[in-house]
Amino acid sequence: MTRVWEYGGRWGSSLLRRLSPETAHALGFMLLRGAERTGLLCAAKRDDPILAVRLWKRDFPNPIGLAAGFDKNATAPGALLGLGFGFVEVGTVTPRPQHGTPRPRLFRLPMDKALINRMGFNNEGLEAIASRLVTRPGWIGANVGCNRDSPDAVADYVQGVRVLAPRADYLVINVSSPNTPGLRALQGRDALAELVARVRESLDQATAGETLKPPLLVKIAPDLTGGELADIAAVTLAGGVDGMIATNTTIDRPSSLRDPARREAGGLSGRPLFRASTAVLTELYRLTEGRLPLIGVGGVGSGAEALAKITAGASLVQIYTALIYEGPGVVERIKRELAALLRNEGYRTLADAVGTGVKQQG
């Protein structure tokens, strides 16, 4: 944690929310990097042992990670880990730099504790981001996508994985953003099978001879039908994929939304996504029979919500929108609450809780 965030994080977050979302985001990053450079950023507190997770031959100090989209350009993963995250995912990274969609493209829905974004994979490109991942201060994942105007989307993923494989602790194929035309079609059975096969080949070639290869994950949308989820599960179980992330943002607009910004186009994240994303997570765990590690994301802002993701099948959990509304202190709070809940419910380890809700349903 930082002393700034420990004592003034909630006040500072409130001040940042008076600015436009993208301006506030940029300023927040500037403050975070400044705290790291000047020594205000202290080492994160030692995590409760019950939160430890061993996955993909890696030991995560806790299961709470930062979802992709927050540190798109890998400019501050070390500082973010210093807030107490067990892992940080950077990106989405495209081969060529990309400006994304025109502003405004990020909208707060404070009445709903939600965000809508139509960023469009804005990032500085593969070369710049790869250069920042030569050394890593902790577990860092890289989320890979394709350029909006690419003539060959699959080739973009292959290139991204090939370059980042030696520089990331895990890799994510993002085929579920609603803000790149045609991208979600890659979740179809045949398209996904071809994509996975080509990316897996590239990954294996790039890490030939290495004993610890970065696992390959697929990030899916929350707006899929039961049949589409079954197809995805079949493809991933057939080989080449080491895990899945459920889920990305949704194009749905629940009737419960109250904020006027609900009319904006883009992907919805935050509290209104919790129920739908958890339902997808539950179904994926059932379809894969618990054989494929899952990361749960969507609407998590408390230890109880993190535990709900875990009992639905997640071995790790990511947050994003809660960090915007609650400030950096939310990371330590979620971990404290989660550790207490695990003990209160009689679990010896976090792994013991994974999927228990699905198993109880039969």
Protein backbone atom coordinates (compact mmCIF):
# COMPACT_ATOMS: atom_id res chain seq x y z
CA MET A 1 0.00 0.00 0.00
CA THR A 2 1.00 3.61 -0.27
CA ARG A 3 0.73 6.02 2.65
CA VAL A 4 -1.15 8.33 0.28
CA TRP A 5 -3.71 5.66 -0.53
CA GLU A 6 -3.87 4.32 3.04
CA TYR A 7 -4.95 7.64 4.53
CA GLY A 8 -6.29 9.63 1.62
CA GLY A 9 -7.20 7.15 -1.09
CA ARG A 10 -10.96 7.49 -0.74
CA TRP A 11 -10.72 11.30 -0.64
CA GLY A 12 -8.36 11.32 -3.61
CA SER A 13 -10.63 9.00 -5.59
CA SER A 14 -13.56 11.33 -4.91
CA LEU A 15 -11.50 14.27 -6.19
CA LEU A 16 -10.48 12.40 -9.33
CA ARG A 17 -14.12 11.62 -10.09
CA ARG A 18 -14.74 15.34 -10.49
CA LEU A 19 -12.59 15.16 -13.63
CA SER A 20 -13.52 13.52 -16.92
CA PRO A 21 -12.94 9.75 -16.71
CA GLU A 22 -9.91 9.61 -19.01
CA THR A 23 -8.31 12.70 -17.48
CA ALA A 24 -8.81 11.25 -14.01
CA HIS A 25 -7.33 7.94 -15.13
CA ALA A 26 -4.21 9.61 -16.54
CA LEU A 27 -3.76 11.75 -13.43
CA GLY A 28 -4.23 8.76 -11.16
CA PHE A 29 -1.48 6.92 -13.01
CA MET A 30 0.79 9.95 -12.73
CA LEU A 31 0.26 10.06 -8.96
CA LEU A 32 0.81 6.33 -8.63
CA ARG A 33 4.07 6.36 -10.58
CA GLY A 34 5.20 9.41 -8.63
CA ALA A 35 4.51 7.65 -5.34
CA GLU A 36 6.57 4.69 -6.55
CA ARG A 37 9.53 6.88 -7.61
CA THR A 38 9.60 8.96 -4.42
CA GLY A 39 9.31 6.04 -2.03
CA LEU A 40 5.77 6.76 -0.87
CA LEU A 41 4.81 3.39 -2.30
CA CYS A 42 5.51 0.84 0.40
CA ALA A 43 5.62 -2.90 0.07
CA ALA A 44 2.18 -4.47 0.19
CA LYS A 45 1.18 -6.07 3.47
CA ARG A 46 1.95 -9.76 3.85
CA ASP A 47 -1.11 -11.68 2.74
CA ASP A 48 -3.07 -14.04 4.93
CA PRO A 49 -1.83 -17.59 4.13
CA ILE A 50 -5.39 -18.78 3.49
CA LEU A 51 -5.46 -16.59 0.37
CA ALA A 52 -2.47 -18.27 -1.30
CA VAL A 53 -3.18 -19.92 -4.66
CA ARG A 54 -0.97 -22.34 -6.60
CA LEU A 55 -1.95 -22.39 -10.26
CA TRP A 56 -0.06 -23.17 -13.47
CA LYS A 57 3.01 -24.02 -11.33
CA ARG A 58 2.95 -20.46 -9.99
CA ASP A 59 2.37 -19.31 -6.43
CA PHE A 60 0.03 -16.32 -6.21
CA PRO A 61 0.13 -14.57 -2.80
CA ASN A 62 -3.58 -13.85 -3.08
CA PRO A 63 -6.31 -14.38 -5.71
CA ILE A 64 -7.24 -10.73 -6.32
CA GLY A 65 -5.93 -9.39 -9.63
CA LEU A 66 -6.36 -6.27 -11.71
CA ALA A 67 -8.23 -6.85 -14.97
CA ALA A 68 -6.93 -5.76 -18.36
CA GLY A 69 -7.84 -2.28 -19.54
CA PHE A 70 -6.61 -0.38 -16.50
CA ASP A 71 -2.88 -0.43 -17.35
CA LYS A 72 -3.19 -0.73 -21.11
CA ASN A 73 0.44 0.19 -21.82
CA ALA A 74 2.22 -1.60 -18.97
CA THR A 75 3.42 1.70 -17.54
CA ALA A 76 2.92 0.91 -13.83
CA PRO A 77 2.49 -2.82 -13.11
CA GLY A 78 4.95 -2.69 -10.21
CA ALA A 79 3.15 0.21 -8.57
CA LEU A 80 -0.18 -1.56 -9.02
CA LEU A 81 1.16 -4.73 -7.44
CA GLY A 82 2.23 -2.50 -4.55
CA LEU A 83 -1.43 -1.79 -3.85
CA GLY A 84 -1.81 -5.41 -2.81
CA PHE A 85 -2.87 -7.19 -5.99
CA GLY A 86 -1.78 -10.79 -6.38
CA PHE A 87 -1.33 -10.27 -10.12
CA VAL A 88 -1.84 -7.57 -12.75
CA GLU A 89 -2.98 -7.99 -16.36
CA VAL A 90 -1.80 -5.37 -18.87
CA GLY A 91 -3.23 -4.54 -22.29
CA THR A 92 -5.14 -5.12 -24.46
CA VAL A 93 -2.06 -4.97 -26.72
CA THR A 94 -2.30 -4.77 -30.52
CA PRO A 95 0.61 -5.17 -32.97
CA ARG A 96 0.48 -1.55 -34.14
CA PRO A 97 -0.24 1.50 -31.97
CA GLN A 98 -3.91 2.39 -32.03
CA HIS A 99 -5.75 5.53 -30.96
CA GLY A 100 -9.03 3.79 -30.35
CA THR A 101 -12.45 5.33 -30.85
CA PRO A 102 -13.10 9.09 -30.65
CA ARG A 103 -13.68 10.74 -27.27
CA PRO A 104 -15.75 10.76 -25.17
CA ARG A 105 -15.54 6.98 -24.89
CA LEU A 106 -15.54 6.25 -21.16
CA PHE A 107 -18.60 7.00 -19.02
CA ARG A 108 -19.29 6.72 -15.31
CA LEU A 109 -22.65 5.50 -14.06
CA PRO A 110 -22.29 6.46 -10.36
CA MET A 111 -25.93 5.70 -9.53
CA ASP A 112 -25.27 2.11 -10.63
CA LYS A 113 -21.60 1.76 -9.57
CA ALA A 114 -20.84 0.95 -13.21
CA LEU A 115 -18.83 2.10 -16.22
CA ILE A 116 -19.47 2.02 -19.94
CA ASN A 117 -16.49 2.09 -22.27
CA ARG A 118 -15.99 2.04 -25.99
CA MET A 119 -12.23 2.58 -25.90
CA GLY A 120 -11.47 0.45 -28.94
CA PHE A 121 -8.15 -1.12 -27.87
CA ASN A 122 -6.28 2.20 -27.56
CA ASN A 123 -2.64 1.35 -26.78
CA GLU A 124 0.93 2.20 -27.74
CA GLY A 125 1.53 -1.01 -29.64
CA LEU A 126 3.39 -4.25 -29.20
CA GLU A 127 6.94 -2.95 -29.46
CA ALA A 128 6.55 -0.27 -26.77
CA ILE A 129 4.70 -2.50 -24.35
CA ALA A 130 7.03 -5.47 -24.78
CA SER A 131 9.99 -3.22 -23.96
CA ARG A 132 8.44 -2.45 -20.55
CA LEU A 133 8.05 -6.12 -19.65
CA VAL A 134 11.71 -7.10 -19.91
CA THR A 135 11.75 -7.33 -16.11
CA ARG A 136 8.65 -8.05 -14.04
CA PRO A 137 8.16 -7.23 -10.33
CA GLY A 138 5.55 -9.95 -9.82
CA TRP A 139 2.97 -11.98 -11.71
CA ILE A 140 2.10 -9.99 -14.84
CA GLY A 141 -0.28 -11.19 -17.55
CA ALA A 142 -0.59 -9.74 -21.04
CA ASN A 143 -3.90 -9.41 -22.86
CA VAL A 144 -3.58 -9.61 -26.65
CA GLY A 145 -5.91 -8.32 -29.38
CA CYS A 146 -6.00 -7.33 -33.04
CA ASN A 147 -5.84 -3.96 -34.73
CA ARG A 148 -9.17 -2.56 -35.81
CA ASP A 149 -8.15 -2.33 -39.49
CA SER A 150 -6.17 -5.57 -39.61
CA PRO A 151 -6.66 -7.68 -42.77
CA ASP A 152 -5.84 -10.82 -40.76
CA ALA A 153 -7.00 -10.77 -37.15
CA VAL A 154 -5.58 -14.21 -36.35
CA ALA A 155 -2.13 -13.12 -37.56
CA ASP A 156 -2.29 -10.21 -35.11
CA TYR A 157 -2.90 -12.58 -32.20
CA VAL A 158 -0.10 -14.86 -33.38
CA GLN A 159 2.31 -11.91 -33.52
CA GLY A 160 1.29 -10.61 -30.11
CA VAL A 161 1.73 -13.98 -28.44
CA ARG A 162 5.05 -14.65 -30.16
CA VAL A 163 6.54 -11.35 -28.96
CA LEU A 164 5.07 -11.35 -25.45
CA ALA A 165 5.47 -15.05 -24.61
CA PRO A 166 8.98 -14.58 -23.14
CA ARG A 167 7.88 -11.45 -21.26
CA ALA A 168 4.60 -12.35 -19.58
CA ASP A 169 3.61 -14.81 -16.87
CA TYR A 170 0.39 -15.65 -18.68
CA LEU A 171 -1.21 -14.64 -21.99
CA VAL A 172 -4.84 -13.87 -22.77
CA ILE A 173 -6.53 -14.01 -26.16
CA ASN A 174 -9.16 -11.28 -26.00
CA VAL A 175 -11.97 -12.29 -28.37
CA SER A 176 -14.77 -10.67 -26.40
CA SER A 177 -14.44 -6.89 -26.47
CA PRO A 178 -17.63 -5.35 -27.90
CA ASN A 179 -15.73 -2.34 -29.27
CA THR A 180 -13.85 -3.89 -32.22
CA PRO A 181 -16.16 -4.78 -35.13
CA GLY A 182 -16.29 -8.50 -35.83
CA LEU A 183 -14.10 -9.44 -32.87
CA ARG A 184 -16.71 -11.43 -30.98
CA ALA A 185 -17.25 -13.66 -34.02
CA LEU A 186 -13.91 -15.25 -33.09
CA GLN A 187 -15.74 -16.94 -30.19
CA GLY A 188 -17.54 -19.20 -32.68
CA ARG A 189 -16.50 -22.86 -32.52
CA ASP A 190 -14.61 -23.14 -35.81
CA ALA A 191 -13.07 -19.67 -35.66
CA LEU A 192 -11.93 -20.16 -32.07
CA ALA A 193 -10.48 -23.59 -32.81
CA GLU A 194 -8.39 -22.17 -35.67
CA LEU A 195 -7.28 -19.19 -33.57
CA VAL A 196 -6.26 -21.36 -30.62
CA ALA A 197 -4.34 -23.79 -32.84
CA ARG A 198 -2.32 -21.06 -34.55
CA VAL A 199 -1.65 -19.11 -31.36
CA ARG A 200 -0.66 -22.26 -29.47
CA GLU A 201 1.83 -23.14 -32.19
CA SER A 202 3.31 -19.64 -32.01
CA LEU A 203 3.51 -19.80 -28.21
CA ASP A 204 5.24 -23.17 -28.22
CA GLN A 205 7.78 -22.02 -30.80
CA ALA A 206 8.50 -18.81 -28.89
CA THR A 207 9.11 -20.70 -25.64
CA ALA A 208 10.85 -23.79 -27.02
CA GLY A 209 13.28 -25.13 -24.45
CA GLU A 210 11.72 -23.25 -21.54
CA THR A 211 10.57 -25.37 -18.62
CA LEU A 212 7.91 -22.90 -17.45
CA LYS A 213 5.79 -21.70 -20.37
CA PRO A 214 3.20 -18.94 -19.86
CA PRO A 215 -0.30 -20.44 -19.76
CA LEU A 216 -2.67 -19.40 -22.55
CA LEU A 217 -6.14 -18.16 -21.60
CA VAL A 218 -9.21 -17.09 -23.56
CA LYS A 219 -11.38 -14.19 -22.35
CA ILE A 220 -15.05 -14.56 -23.26
CA ALA A 221 -18.15 -12.38 -23.28
CA PRO A 222 -21.08 -12.57 -20.85
CA ASP A 223 -23.62 -12.35 -23.70
CA LEU A 224 -23.23 -15.88 -25.09
CA THR A 225 -25.99 -18.48 -25.43
CA GLY A 226 -25.81 -21.86 -23.76
CA GLY A 227 -24.90 -23.46 -27.06
CA GLU A 228 -22.11 -20.98 -27.67
CA LEU A 229 -20.69 -21.62 -24.20
CA ALA A 230 -20.80 -25.35 -24.86
CA ASP A 231 -18.87 -24.85 -28.10
CA ILE A 232 -16.23 -22.76 -26.34
CA ALA A 233 -15.88 -25.35 -23.60
CA ALA A 234 -15.45 -28.09 -26.19
CA VAL A 235 -12.73 -26.16 -28.03
CA THR A 236 -10.81 -25.33 -24.87
CA LEU A 237 -10.99 -28.88 -23.53
CA ALA A 238 -9.73 -30.22 -26.87
CA GLY A 239 -6.33 -28.73 -26.04
CA GLY A 240 -4.18 -25.67 -26.51
CA VAL A 241 -5.89 -23.57 -23.83
CA ASP A 242 -4.79 -23.51 -20.18
CA GLY A 243 -7.66 -21.47 -18.73
CA MET A 244 -10.45 -18.97 -19.35
CA ILE A 245 -11.49 -15.56 -18.07
CA ALA A 246 -15.20 -15.02 -17.51
CA THR A 247 -16.15 -12.39 -18.43
CA ASN A 248 -15.54 -9.25 -20.43
CA THR A 249 -17.97 -6.31 -20.42
CA THR A 250 -21.56 -6.72 -21.61
CA ILE A 251 -23.53 -5.06 -24.41
CA ASP A 252 -26.71 -5.76 -22.45
CA ARG A 253 -28.41 -2.97 -20.52
CA PRO A 254 -30.22 -4.39 -17.47
CA SER A 255 -33.53 -2.72 -16.68
CA SER A 256 -32.18 -1.91 -13.22
CA LEU A 257 -29.82 0.77 -14.59
CA ARG A 258 -30.77 4.25 -13.42
CA ASP A 259 -27.99 6.55 -14.58
CA PRO A 260 -28.67 8.59 -17.77
CA ALA A 261 -25.33 7.41 -19.19
CA ARG A 262 -26.86 3.95 -19.60
CA ARG A 263 -27.82 5.00 -23.13
CA GLU A 264 -24.18 5.22 -24.23
CA ALA A 265 -22.87 2.54 -26.57
CA GLY A 266 -20.06 0.26 -25.41
CA GLY A 267 -19.32 -2.41 -22.84
CA LEU A 268 -20.90 -2.20 -19.39
CA SER A 269 -18.84 -3.19 -16.34
CA GLY A 270 -19.26 -2.97 -12.58
CA ARG A 271 -22.00 -3.98 -10.17
CA PRO A 272 -24.75 -4.61 -12.79
CA LEU A 273 -22.51 -7.21 -14.49
CA PHE A 274 -22.04 -9.36 -11.41
CA ARG A 275 -25.02 -11.67 -11.79
CA ALA A 276 -24.61 -12.35 -15.53
CA SER A 277 -20.85 -12.85 -15.39
CA THR A 278 -21.17 -15.21 -12.43
CA ALA A 279 -23.81 -17.23 -14.25
CA VAL A 280 -21.45 -17.66 -17.21
CA LEU A 281 -18.63 -18.62 -14.85
CA THR A 282 -20.85 -21.23 -13.20
CA GLU A 283 -21.84 -22.73 -16.53
CA LEU A 284 -18.25 -22.86 -17.76
CA TYR A 285 -17.15 -24.66 -14.60
CA ARG A 286 -19.97 -27.16 -15.11
CA LEU A 287 -19.22 -27.66 -18.81
CA THR A 288 -15.50 -28.14 -18.22
CA GLU A 289 -16.14 -30.29 -15.13
CA GLY A 290 -13.63 -28.21 -13.18
CA ARG A 291 -10.75 -29.39 -15.37
CA LEU A 292 -9.80 -25.93 -16.66
CA PRO A 293 -8.72 -23.11 -14.33
CA LEU A 294 -11.03 -20.09 -14.50
CA ILE A 295 -10.58 -16.43 -13.59
CA GLY A 296 -13.77 -14.70 -12.51
CA VAL A 297 -14.33 -11.01 -13.24
CA GLY A 298 -17.35 -8.75 -13.33
CA GLY A 299 -18.87 -6.66 -10.57
CA VAL A 300 -16.61 -7.71 -7.70
CA GLY A 301 -16.31 -5.09 -4.97
CA SER A 302 -16.34 -7.07 -1.72
CA GLY A 303 -14.98 -10.21 -0.15
CA ALA A 304 -18.43 -11.80 -0.36
CA GLU A 305 -18.58 -11.17 -4.10
CA ALA A 306 -15.06 -12.54 -4.54
CA LEU A 307 -16.07 -15.67 -2.65
CA ALA A 308 -19.18 -16.02 -4.82
CA LYS A 309 -16.92 -16.09 -7.89
CA ILE A 310 -14.68 -18.68 -6.26
CA THR A 311 -17.52 -21.00 -5.24
CA ALA A 312 -18.86 -20.60 -8.81
CA GLY A 313 -15.59 -22.04 -10.12
CA ALA A 314 -12.97 -19.29 -10.17
CA SER A 315 -9.47 -19.99 -8.88
CA LEU A 316 -8.53 -16.31 -9.27
CA VAL A 317 -10.66 -13.14 -9.31
CA GLN A 318 -10.12 -9.79 -11.04
CA ILE A 319 -11.50 -6.33 -10.30
CA TYR A 320 -11.58 -3.05 -12.22
CA THR A 321 -14.63 -0.83 -11.70
CA ALA A 322 -14.54 -1.17 -7.90
CA LEU A 323 -11.06 0.35 -7.97
CA ILE A 324 -12.48 3.42 -9.74
CA TYR A 325 -15.29 3.98 -7.25
CA GLU A 326 -13.74 2.80 -3.99
CA GLY A 327 -10.09 3.75 -4.48
CA PRO A 328 -6.98 1.60 -3.98
CA GLY A 329 -7.94 0.66 -0.42
CA VAL A 330 -10.56 -1.67 -1.88
CA VAL A 331 -7.87 -4.26 -2.64
CA GLU A 332 -6.85 -4.80 1.00
CA ARG A 333 -10.48 -4.63 2.13
CA ILE A 334 -11.58 -7.37 -0.27
CA LYS A 335 -8.70 -9.57 0.85
CA ARG A 336 -9.49 -9.08 4.56
CA GLU A 337 -13.17 -9.86 4.01
CA LEU A 338 -12.42 -12.88 1.84
CA ALA A 339 -9.97 -14.39 4.34
CA ALA A 340 -12.50 -13.99 7.16
CA LEU A 341 -15.30 -15.54 5.11
CA LEU A 342 -13.18 -18.52 4.10
CA ARG A 343 -12.42 -19.26 7.74
CA ASN A 344 -15.97 -18.63 8.91
CA GLU A 345 -17.29 -21.11 6.34
CA GLY A 346 -14.80 -23.77 7.37
CA TYR A 347 -12.40 -23.78 4.42
CA ARG A 348 -8.77 -24.63 5.17
CA THR A 349 -7.50 -23.20 1.89
CA LEU A 350 -8.93 -21.10 -0.89
CA ALA A 351 -8.58 -24.04 -3.27
CA ASP A 352 -11.02 -25.99 -1.10
CA ALA A 353 -13.72 -23.44 -1.93
CA VAL A 354 -13.33 -23.45 -5.72
CA GLY A 355 -16.51 -24.67 -7.42
CA THR A 356 -18.24 -25.78 -4.22
CA GLY A 357 -21.39 -23.87 -5.09
CA VAL A 358 -21.65 -25.65 -8.44
CA LYS A 359 -20.98 -29.06 -6.90
CA GLN A 360 -23.70 -28.52 -4.31
CA GLN A 361 -26.18 -27.76 -7.11
CA GLY A 362 -25.33 -31.13 -8.66
